[in-house]
Amino acid sequence: MRLILYSKPGCHLCEGLQEKLEQVQGLSFELEVRNITTREDWFQAYQYEVPVVCQNVAGREEQLPRPSPRATVQQLEQMLQKYLATDDSQ
């Protein structure tokens, strides 16, 4: 399973979410971090939304609900389990 984190340099919310995602141990996924300042289409889509987490489902990206910046690693893991459980084929 692949998760994609859209972020930008200097974004403390992005950095915090990335750190928490890297600490999740109860789920197996590959985390790809995409800097929105490197591509105009990403920047236009997410400049006011970062951090954004998407999952890759059948070659399509599906945006997941944004977790609270105050969520613990355990709460983040529970949220991911809830949304990622709908697609076990990945």
C-alpha atoms as a PDB file:
ATOM      1  CA  MET A   1       0.000   0.000   0.000  1.00  0.00           C
ATOM      2  CA  ARG A   2       1.240   3.478  -0.848  1.00  0.00           C
ATOM      3  CA  LEU A   3       0.386   6.728   0.915  1.00  0.00           C
ATOM      4  CA  ILE A   4       1.275  10.053  -0.636  1.00  0.00           C
ATOM      5  CA  LEU A   5       1.867  13.125   1.516  1.00  0.00           C
ATOM      6  CA  TYR A   6       1.686  16.438  -0.318  1.00  0.00           C
ATOM      7  CA  SER A   7       3.678  19.030   1.597  1.00  0.00           C
ATOM      8  CA  LYS A   8       5.866  22.074   1.172  1.00  0.00           C
ATOM      9  CA  PRO A   9       9.108  23.236   2.771  1.00  0.00           C
ATOM     10  CA  GLY A  10       8.727  25.146   6.021  1.00  0.00           C
ATOM     11  CA  CYS A  11       5.221  23.817   6.693  1.00  0.00           C
ATOM     12  CA  HIS A  12       5.187  22.782  10.351  1.00  0.00           C
ATOM     13  CA  LEU A  13       1.886  20.905   9.949  1.00  0.00           C
ATOM     14  CA  CYS A  14       3.404  18.937   7.069  1.00  0.00           C
ATOM     15  CA  GLU A  15       6.549  18.123   9.023  1.00  0.00           C
ATOM     16  CA  GLY A  16       4.541  17.038  12.068  1.00  0.00           C
ATOM     17  CA  LEU A  17       2.269  14.779  10.052  1.00  0.00           C
ATOM     18  CA  GLN A  18       5.228  13.224   8.217  1.00  0.00           C
ATOM     19  CA  GLU A  19       6.934  12.445  11.535  1.00  0.00           C
ATOM     20  CA  LYS A  20       3.777  10.786  12.856  1.00  0.00           C
ATOM     21  CA  LEU A  21       3.223   8.789   9.665  1.00  0.00           C
ATOM     22  CA  GLU A  22       6.801   7.516   9.895  1.00  0.00           C
ATOM     23  CA  GLN A  23       6.114   6.331  13.465  1.00  0.00           C
ATOM     24  CA  VAL A  24       3.007   4.285  12.572  1.00  0.00           C
ATOM     25  CA  GLN A  25       3.881   0.643  13.166  1.00  0.00           C
ATOM     26  CA  GLY A  26       0.583  -1.228  13.058  1.00  0.00           C
ATOM     27  CA  LEU A  27       0.124  -0.739   9.311  1.00  0.00           C
ATOM     28  CA  SER A  28       2.378  -1.582   6.418  1.00  0.00           C
ATOM     29  CA  PHE A  29       2.602   1.179   3.821  1.00  0.00           C
ATOM     30  CA  GLU A  30       5.113   3.003   1.719  1.00  0.00           C
ATOM     31  CA  LEU A  31       5.146   6.761   2.321  1.00  0.00           C
ATOM     32  CA  GLU A  32       5.927   9.016  -0.610  1.00  0.00           C
ATOM     33  CA  VAL A  33       6.407  12.691   0.257  1.00  0.00           C
ATOM     34  CA  ARG A  34       5.755  15.100  -2.597  1.00  0.00           C
ATOM     35  CA  ASN A  35       6.947  18.698  -2.421  1.00  0.00           C
ATOM     36  CA  ILE A  36       4.192  20.749  -4.070  1.00  0.00           C
ATOM     37  CA  THR A  37       6.651  23.490  -5.039  1.00  0.00           C
ATOM     38  CA  THR A  38       8.326  21.149  -7.542  1.00  0.00           C
ATOM     39  CA  ARG A  39       5.327  20.846  -9.887  1.00  0.00           C
ATOM     40  CA  GLU A  40       2.872  23.524 -10.916  1.00  0.00           C
ATOM     41  CA  ASP A  41      -0.120  21.139 -10.994  1.00  0.00           C
ATOM     42  CA  TRP A  42       0.543  19.983  -7.427  1.00  0.00           C
ATOM     43  CA  PHE A  43       1.024  23.573  -6.290  1.00  0.00           C
ATOM     44  CA  GLN A  44      -2.235  24.720  -7.882  1.00  0.00           C
ATOM     45  CA  ALA A  45      -4.141  21.789  -6.411  1.00  0.00           C
ATOM     46  CA  TYR A  46      -2.773  21.878  -2.855  1.00  0.00           C
ATOM     47  CA  GLN A  47      -1.207  25.293  -2.130  1.00  0.00           C
ATOM     48  CA  TYR A  48      -3.887  26.141   0.447  1.00  0.00           C
ATOM     49  CA  GLU A  49      -4.567  22.586   1.601  1.00  0.00           C
ATOM     50  CA  VAL A  50      -1.258  21.043   2.716  1.00  0.00           C
ATOM     51  CA  PRO A  51      -0.680  18.693   4.334  1.00  0.00           C
ATOM     52  CA  VAL A  52      -2.744  16.365   2.160  1.00  0.00           C
ATOM     53  CA  VAL A  53      -2.635  12.572   2.445  1.00  0.00           C
ATOM     54  CA  CYS A  54      -3.773  10.397  -0.454  1.00  0.00           C
ATOM     55  CA  GLN A  55      -3.790   6.688  -1.041  1.00  0.00           C
ATOM     56  CA  ASN A  56      -3.133   5.067  -4.375  1.00  0.00           C
ATOM     57  CA  VAL A  57      -6.091   2.850  -5.295  1.00  0.00           C
ATOM     58  CA  ALA A  58      -6.039   1.044  -8.623  1.00  0.00           C
ATOM     59  CA  GLY A  59      -3.736   3.688 -10.114  1.00  0.00           C
ATOM     60  CA  ARG A  60      -5.904   6.559  -8.842  1.00  0.00           C
ATOM     61  CA  GLU A  61      -5.228   8.878  -5.935  1.00  0.00           C
ATOM     62  CA  GLU A  62      -7.936   9.184  -3.306  1.00  0.00           C
ATOM     63  CA  GLN A  63      -7.609  11.944  -0.739  1.00  0.00           C
ATOM     64  CA  LEU A  64      -8.029  10.901   2.884  1.00  0.00           C
ATOM     65  CA  PRO A  65      -9.611  13.143   5.521  1.00  0.00           C
ATOM     66  CA  ARG A  66      -7.123  15.467   7.156  1.00  0.00           C
ATOM     67  CA  PRO A  67      -6.121  14.327  10.631  1.00  0.00           C
ATOM     68  CA  SER A  68      -6.029  16.845  13.436  1.00  0.00           C
ATOM     69  CA  PRO A  69      -2.550  18.288  14.058  1.00  0.00           C
ATOM     70  CA  ARG A  70      -3.128  17.299  17.697  1.00  0.00           C
ATOM     71  CA  ALA A  71      -3.771  13.646  16.850  1.00  0.00           C
ATOM     72  CA  THR A  72      -1.373  11.209  18.442  1.00  0.00           C
ATOM     73  CA  VAL A  73       0.441   8.561  16.420  1.00  0.00           C
ATOM     74  CA  GLN A  74      -2.036   6.006  17.780  1.00  0.00           C
ATOM     75  CA  GLN A  75      -5.036   8.133  16.745  1.00  0.00           C
ATOM     76  CA  LEU A  76      -3.525   8.641  13.299  1.00  0.00           C
ATOM     77  CA  GLU A  77      -3.000   4.901  12.967  1.00  0.00           C
ATOM     78  CA  GLN A  78      -6.626   4.224  13.939  1.00  0.00           C
ATOM     79  CA  MET A  79      -7.840   6.753  11.358  1.00  0.00           C
ATOM     80  CA  LEU A  80      -5.698   5.152   8.659  1.00  0.00           C
ATOM     81  CA  GLN A  81      -6.962   1.676   9.573  1.00  0.00           C
ATOM     82  CA  LYS A  82     -10.527   2.898   9.198  1.00  0.00           C
ATOM     83  CA  TYR A  83     -10.033   4.413   5.746  1.00  0.00           C
ATOM     84  CA  LEU A  84      -7.522   1.940   4.360  1.00  0.00           C
ATOM     85  CA  ALA A  85      -9.495  -1.127   5.467  1.00  0.00           C
ATOM     86  CA  THR A  86     -11.923  -0.568   2.604  1.00  0.00           C
ATOM     87  CA  ASP A  87      -9.258  -1.607   0.085  1.00  0.00           C
ATOM     88  CA  ASP A  88      -7.325  -4.709   1.121  1.00  0.00           C
ATOM     89  CA  SER A  89      -6.217  -5.506  -2.420  1.00  0.00           C
ATOM     90  CA  GLN A  90      -3.343  -2.996  -2.294  1.00  0.00           C
END
